[in-house]
Amino acid sequence: MSTADMPDSERWRQAVRQEWEDTDVIAAWRKWYSQARIAGQAATEALVEEAQIKPGMQVLDLAI
């Protein structure tokens, strides 16, 4: 099946897979992960606080 014959969702999946398997992308994530995590910490804390998560609650984390 050619790429043109694939459903849009499958073409998107393949494009994402190719991007995430790219050695340059992997190298960039390794280089910048620590800084990105620190930069996103305040947003993460604000989201968790706003969600009012309490001990014993179940949380589903969906990363899209």
PDB file of N, CA and C in Angstrom:
ATOM      1  N   MET A   1       0.857  -1.175   0.000  1.00  0.00           N
ATOM      2  CA  MET A   1       0.000   0.000   0.000  1.00  0.00           C
ATOM      3  C   MET A   1       0.902   1.237   0.000  1.00  0.00           C
ATOM      4  N   SER A   2       0.659   2.131  -0.935  1.00  0.00           N
ATOM      5  CA  SER A   2       1.449   3.354  -0.992  1.00  0.00           C
ATOM      6  C   SER A   2       0.979   4.316   0.101  1.00  0.00           C
ATOM      7  N   THR A   3       1.833   5.274   0.423  1.00  0.00           N
ATOM      8  CA  THR A   3       1.491   6.261   1.455  1.00  0.00           C
ATOM      9  C   THR A   3       0.220   7.007   1.093  1.00  0.00           C
ATOM     10  N   ALA A   4       0.027   7.307  -0.174  1.00  0.00           N
ATOM     11  CA  ALA A   4      -1.162   8.042  -0.619  1.00  0.00           C
ATOM     12  C   ALA A   4      -2.439   7.246  -0.382  1.00  0.00           C
ATOM     13  N   ASP A   5      -2.349   5.911  -0.368  1.00  0.00           N
ATOM     14  CA  ASP A   5      -3.524   5.066  -0.179  1.00  0.00           C
ATOM     15  C   ASP A   5      -3.871   4.833   1.289  1.00  0.00           C
ATOM     16  N   MET A   6      -2.996   5.249   2.178  1.00  0.00           N
ATOM     17  CA  MET A   6      -3.233   5.020   3.608  1.00  0.00           C
ATOM     18  C   MET A   6      -4.218   6.041   4.163  1.00  0.00           C
ATOM     19  N   PRO A   7      -4.957   5.635   5.188  1.00  0.00           N
ATOM     20  CA  PRO A   7      -5.811   6.609   5.870  1.00  0.00           C
ATOM     21  C   PRO A   7      -4.944   7.696   6.507  1.00  0.00           C
ATOM     22  N   ASP A   8      -5.513   8.886   6.687  1.00  0.00           N
ATOM     23  CA  ASP A   8      -4.771  10.003   7.281  1.00  0.00           C
ATOM     24  C   ASP A   8      -4.166   9.628   8.625  1.00  0.00           C
ATOM     25  N   SER A   9      -4.900   8.883   9.436  1.00  0.00           N
ATOM     26  CA  SER A   9      -4.401   8.535  10.764  1.00  0.00           C
ATOM     27  C   SER A   9      -3.155   7.661  10.675  1.00  0.00           C
ATOM     28  N   GLU A  10      -3.107   6.762   9.721  1.00  0.00           N
ATOM     29  CA  GLU A  10      -1.937   5.897   9.571  1.00  0.00           C
ATOM     30  C   GLU A  10      -0.746   6.677   9.021  1.00  0.00           C
ATOM     31  N   ARG A  11      -0.989   7.583   8.093  1.00  0.00           N
ATOM     32  CA  ARG A  11       0.104   8.430   7.589  1.00  0.00           C
ATOM     33  C   ARG A  11       0.673   9.266   8.725  1.00  0.00           C
ATOM     34  N   TRP A  12      -0.194   9.803   9.573  1.00  0.00           N
ATOM     35  CA  TRP A  12       0.255  10.592  10.720  1.00  0.00           C
ATOM     36  C   TRP A  12       1.090   9.730  11.662  1.00  0.00           C
ATOM     37  N   ARG A  13       0.619   8.527  11.971  1.00  0.00           N
ATOM     38  CA  ARG A  13       1.369   7.619  12.854  1.00  0.00           C
ATOM     39  C   ARG A  13       2.765   7.335  12.299  1.00  0.00           C
ATOM     40  N   GLN A  14       2.838   7.067  11.005  1.00  0.00           N
ATOM     41  CA  GLN A  14       4.137   6.780  10.394  1.00  0.00           C
ATOM     42  C   GLN A  14       5.057   7.992  10.455  1.00  0.00           C
ATOM     43  N   ALA A  15       4.512   9.173  10.194  1.00  0.00           N
ATOM     44  CA  ALA A  15       5.328  10.391  10.239  1.00  0.00           C
ATOM     45  C   ALA A  15       5.856  10.637  11.648  1.00  0.00           C
ATOM     46  N   VAL A  16       5.010  10.450  12.645  1.00  0.00           N
ATOM     47  CA  VAL A  16       5.434  10.638  14.036  1.00  0.00           C
ATOM     48  C   VAL A  16       6.488   9.601  14.397  1.00  0.00           C
ATOM     49  N   ARG A  17       6.261   8.359  14.028  1.00  0.00           N
ATOM     50  CA  ARG A  17       7.221   7.297  14.323  1.00  0.00           C
ATOM     51  C   ARG A  17       8.579   7.612  13.700  1.00  0.00           C
ATOM     52  N   GLN A  18       8.581   8.042  12.435  1.00  0.00           N
ATOM     53  CA  GLN A  18       9.843   8.376  11.766  1.00  0.00           C
ATOM     54  C   GLN A  18      10.543   9.533  12.463  1.00  0.00           C
ATOM     55  N   GLU A  19       9.776  10.533  12.864  1.00  0.00           N
ATOM     56  CA  GLU A  19      10.375  11.687  13.543  1.00  0.00           C
ATOM     57  C   GLU A  19      11.007  11.272  14.867  1.00  0.00           C
ATOM     58  N   TRP A  20      10.286  10.476  15.658  1.00  0.00           N
ATOM     59  CA  TRP A  20      10.787  10.090  16.975  1.00  0.00           C
ATOM     60  C   TRP A  20      11.917   9.078  16.902  1.00  0.00           C
ATOM     61  N   GLU A  21      12.075   8.395  15.802  1.00  0.00           N
ATOM     62  CA  GLU A  21      13.186   7.465  15.635  1.00  0.00           C
ATOM     63  C   GLU A  21      14.400   8.136  14.995  1.00  0.00           C
ATOM     64  N   ASP A  22      14.264   9.386  14.585  1.00  0.00           N
ATOM     65  CA  ASP A  22      15.346  10.124  13.947  1.00  0.00           C
ATOM     66  C   ASP A  22      16.482  10.365  14.946  1.00  0.00           C
ATOM     67  N   THR A  23      17.703  10.068  14.560  1.00  0.00           N
ATOM     68  CA  THR A  23      18.833  10.203  15.483  1.00  0.00           C
ATOM     69  C   THR A  23      19.055  11.639  15.932  1.00  0.00           C
ATOM     70  N   ASP A  24      18.771  12.618  15.081  1.00  0.00           N
ATOM     71  CA  ASP A  24      18.920  14.022  15.482  1.00  0.00           C
ATOM     72  C   ASP A  24      17.883  14.414  16.532  1.00  0.00           C
ATOM     73  N   VAL A  25      16.670  13.913  16.384  1.00  0.00           N
ATOM     74  CA  VAL A  25      15.620  14.190  17.370  1.00  0.00           C
ATOM     75  C   VAL A  25      15.982  13.548  18.701  1.00  0.00           C
ATOM     76  N   ILE A  26      16.446  12.318  18.667  1.00  0.00           N
ATOM     77  CA  ILE A  26      16.851  11.628  19.892  1.00  0.00           C
ATOM     78  C   ILE A  26      17.976  12.391  20.573  1.00  0.00           C
ATOM     79  N   ALA A  27      18.963  12.830  19.807  1.00  0.00           N
ATOM     80  CA  ALA A  27      20.082  13.587  20.376  1.00  0.00           C
ATOM     81  C   ALA A  27      19.607  14.897  20.997  1.00  0.00           C
ATOM     82  N   ALA A  28      18.668  15.575  20.347  1.00  0.00           N
ATOM     83  CA  ALA A  28      18.147  16.835  20.889  1.00  0.00           C
ATOM     84  C   ALA A  28      17.409  16.603  22.199  1.00  0.00           C
ATOM     85  N   TRP A  29      16.599  15.554  22.273  1.00  0.00           N
ATOM     86  CA  TRP A  29      15.901  15.249  23.525  1.00  0.00           C
ATOM     87  C   TRP A  29      16.888  14.959  24.644  1.00  0.00           C
ATOM     88  N   ARG A  30      17.929  14.191  24.329  1.00  0.00           N
ATOM     89  CA  ARG A  30      18.933  13.884  25.349  1.00  0.00           C
ATOM     90  C   ARG A  30      19.637  15.155  25.821  1.00  0.00           C
ATOM     91  N   LYS A  31      19.908  16.056  24.894  1.00  0.00           N
ATOM     92  CA  LYS A  31      20.622  17.288  25.232  1.00  0.00           C
ATOM     93  C   LYS A  31      19.753  18.231  26.066  1.00  0.00           C
ATOM     94  N   TRP A  32      18.490  18.382  25.722  1.00  0.00           N
ATOM     95  CA  TRP A  32      17.648  19.421  26.301  1.00  0.00           C
ATOM     96  C   TRP A  32      16.633  18.926  27.326  1.00  0.00           C
ATOM     97  N   TYR A  33      16.569  17.616  27.596  1.00  0.00           N
ATOM     98  CA  TYR A  33      15.538  17.083  28.484  1.00  0.00           C
ATOM     99  C   TYR A  33      15.548  17.752  29.857  1.00  0.00           C
ATOM    100  N   SER A  34      16.713  17.883  30.479  1.00  0.00           N
ATOM    101  CA  SER A  34      16.792  18.458  31.825  1.00  0.00           C
ATOM    102  C   SER A  34      16.243  19.884  31.853  1.00  0.00           C
ATOM    103  N   GLN A  35      16.622  20.686  30.865  1.00  0.00           N
ATOM    104  CA  GLN A  35      16.150  22.067  30.810  1.00  0.00           C
ATOM    105  C   GLN A  35      14.641  22.130  30.553  1.00  0.00           C
ATOM    106  N   ALA A  36      14.149  21.256  29.686  1.00  0.00           N
ATOM    107  CA  ALA A  36      12.710  21.245  29.389  1.00  0.00           C
ATOM    108  C   ALA A  36      11.912  20.833  30.625  1.00  0.00           C
ATOM    109  N   ARG A  37      12.424  19.857  31.372  1.00  0.00           N
ATOM    110  CA  ARG A  37      11.742  19.415  32.584  1.00  0.00           C
ATOM    111  C   ARG A  37      11.675  20.548  33.608  1.00  0.00           C
ATOM    112  N   ILE A  38      12.777  21.250  33.790  1.00  0.00           N
ATOM    113  CA  ILE A  38      12.805  22.374  34.723  1.00  0.00           C
ATOM    114  C   ILE A  38      11.846  23.477  34.254  1.00  0.00           C
ATOM    115  N   ALA A  39      11.864  23.772  32.957  1.00  0.00           N
ATOM    116  CA  ALA A  39      11.000  24.824  32.414  1.00  0.00           C
ATOM    117  C   ALA A  39       9.519  24.483  32.572  1.00  0.00           C
ATOM    118  N   GLY A  40       9.178  23.213  32.508  1.00  0.00           N
ATOM    119  CA  GLY A  40       7.771  22.811  32.621  1.00  0.00           C
ATOM    120  C   GLY A  40       7.306  22.537  34.035  1.00  0.00           C
ATOM    121  N   GLN A  41       8.220  22.571  34.998  1.00  0.00           N
ATOM    122  CA  GLN A  41       7.887  22.223  36.384  1.00  0.00           C
ATOM    123  C   GLN A  41       6.771  23.102  36.956  1.00  0.00           C
ATOM    124  N   ALA A  42       6.856  24.415  36.759  1.00  0.00           N
ATOM    125  CA  ALA A  42       5.846  25.320  37.317  1.00  0.00           C
ATOM    126  C   ALA A  42       4.459  25.028  36.726  1.00  0.00           C
ATOM    127  N   ALA A  43       4.404  24.768  35.430  1.00  0.00           N
ATOM    128  CA  ALA A  43       3.119  24.451  34.796  1.00  0.00           C
ATOM    129  C   ALA A  43       2.560  23.138  35.333  1.00  0.00           C
ATOM    130  N   THR A  44       3.420  22.150  35.500  1.00  0.00           N
ATOM    131  CA  THR A  44       2.986  20.861  36.044  1.00  0.00           C
ATOM    132  C   THR A  44       2.434  21.033  37.447  1.00  0.00           C
ATOM    133  N   GLU A  45       3.153  21.751  38.281  1.00  0.00           N
ATOM    134  CA  GLU A  45       2.698  21.977  39.659  1.00  0.00           C
ATOM    135  C   GLU A  45       1.370  22.718  39.691  1.00  0.00           C
ATOM    136  N   ALA A  46       1.202  23.713  38.818  1.00  0.00           N
ATOM    137  CA  ALA A  46      -0.053  24.466  38.770  1.00  0.00           C
ATOM    138  C   ALA A  46      -1.219  23.564  38.344  1.00  0.00           C
ATOM    139  N   LEU A  47      -0.984  22.699  37.367  1.00  0.00           N
ATOM    140  CA  LEU A  47      -2.045  21.790  36.921  1.00  0.00           C
ATOM    141  C   LEU A  47      -2.442  20.815  38.020  1.00  0.00           C
ATOM    142  N   VAL A  48      -1.455  20.265  38.711  1.00  0.00           N
ATOM    143  CA  VAL A  48      -1.742  19.317  39.787  1.00  0.00           C
ATOM    144  C   VAL A  48      -2.499  20.020  40.915  1.00  0.00           C
ATOM    145  N   GLU A  49      -2.068  21.227  41.249  1.00  0.00           N
ATOM    146  CA  GLU A  49      -2.755  21.975  42.313  1.00  0.00           C
ATOM    147  C   GLU A  49      -4.195  22.288  41.916  1.00  0.00           C
ATOM    148  N   GLU A  50      -4.387  22.730  40.693  1.00  0.00           N
ATOM    149  CA  GLU A  50      -5.735  23.076  40.217  1.00  0.00           C
ATOM    150  C   GLU A  50      -6.642  21.851  40.171  1.00  0.00           C
ATOM    151  N   ALA A  51      -6.070  20.691  39.890  1.00  0.00           N
ATOM    152  CA  ALA A  51      -6.860  19.461  39.841  1.00  0.00           C
ATOM    153  C   ALA A  51      -7.291  19.000  41.233  1.00  0.00           C
ATOM    154  N   GLN A  52      -6.675  19.568  42.254  1.00  0.00           N
ATOM    155  CA  GLN A  52      -7.010  19.255  43.655  1.00  0.00           C
ATOM    156  C   GLN A  52      -6.920  17.745  43.924  1.00  0.00           C
ATOM    157  N   ILE A  53      -5.817  17.161  43.469  1.00  0.00           N
ATOM    158  CA  ILE A  53      -5.586  15.735  43.670  1.00  0.00           C
ATOM    159  C   ILE A  53      -5.265  15.486  45.140  1.00  0.00           C
ATOM    160  N   LYS A  54      -5.940  14.525  45.707  1.00  0.00           N
ATOM    161  CA  LYS A  54      -5.777  14.182  47.126  1.00  0.00           C
ATOM    162  C   LYS A  54      -5.303  12.734  47.237  1.00  0.00           C
ATOM    163  N   PRO A  55      -4.661  12.393  48.372  1.00  0.00           N
ATOM    164  CA  PRO A  55      -4.240  11.004  48.594  1.00  0.00           C
ATOM    165  C   PRO A  55      -5.421  10.047  48.438  1.00  0.00           C
ATOM    166  N   GLY A  56      -5.169   8.943  47.781  1.00  0.00           N
ATOM    167  CA  GLY A  56      -6.204   7.932  47.568  1.00  0.00           C
ATOM    168  C   GLY A  56      -6.953   8.093  46.254  1.00  0.00           C
ATOM    169  N   MET A  57      -6.826   9.258  45.610  1.00  0.00           N
ATOM    170  CA  MET A  57      -7.490   9.475  44.321  1.00  0.00           C
ATOM    171  C   MET A  57      -6.710   8.757  43.232  1.00  0.00           C
ATOM    172  N   GLN A  58      -7.398   8.359  42.186  1.00  0.00           N
ATOM    173  CA  GLN A  58      -6.739   7.755  41.035  1.00  0.00           C
ATOM    174  C   GLN A  58      -6.649   8.800  39.936  1.00  0.00           C
ATOM    175  N   VAL A  59      -5.498   8.853  39.267  1.00  0.00           N
ATOM    176  CA  VAL A  59      -5.267   9.847  38.229  1.00  0.00           C
ATOM    177  C   VAL A  59      -4.781   9.141  36.981  1.00  0.00           C
ATOM    178  N   LEU A  60      -5.338   9.505  35.855  1.00  0.00           N
ATOM    179  CA  LEU A  60      -4.893   8.988  34.569  1.00  0.00           C
ATOM    180  C   LEU A  60      -4.161  10.118  33.843  1.00  0.00           C
ATOM    181  N   ASP A  61      -2.909   9.921  33.563  1.00  0.00           N
ATOM    182  CA  ASP A  61      -2.074  10.906  32.876  1.00  0.00           C
ATOM    183  C   ASP A  61      -2.011  10.532  31.412  1.00  0.00           C
ATOM    184  N   LEU A  62      -2.607  11.352  30.558  1.00  0.00           N
ATOM    185  CA  LEU A  62      -2.596  11.107  29.122  1.00  0.00           C
ATOM    186  C   LEU A  62      -1.670  12.119  28.454  1.00  0.00           C
ATOM    187  N   ALA A  63      -0.596  11.658  27.914  1.00  0.00           N
ATOM    188  CA  ALA A  63       0.324  12.526  27.176  1.00  0.00           C
ATOM    189  C   ALA A  63       0.032  12.371  25.695  1.00  0.00           C
ATOM    190  N   ILE A  64      -0.306  13.458  25.070  1.00  0.00           N
ATOM    191  CA  ILE A  64      -0.650  13.424  23.653  1.00  0.00           C
ATOM    192  C   ILE A  64       0.371  14.224  22.877  1.00  0.00           C
TER     193      ILE A  64
END
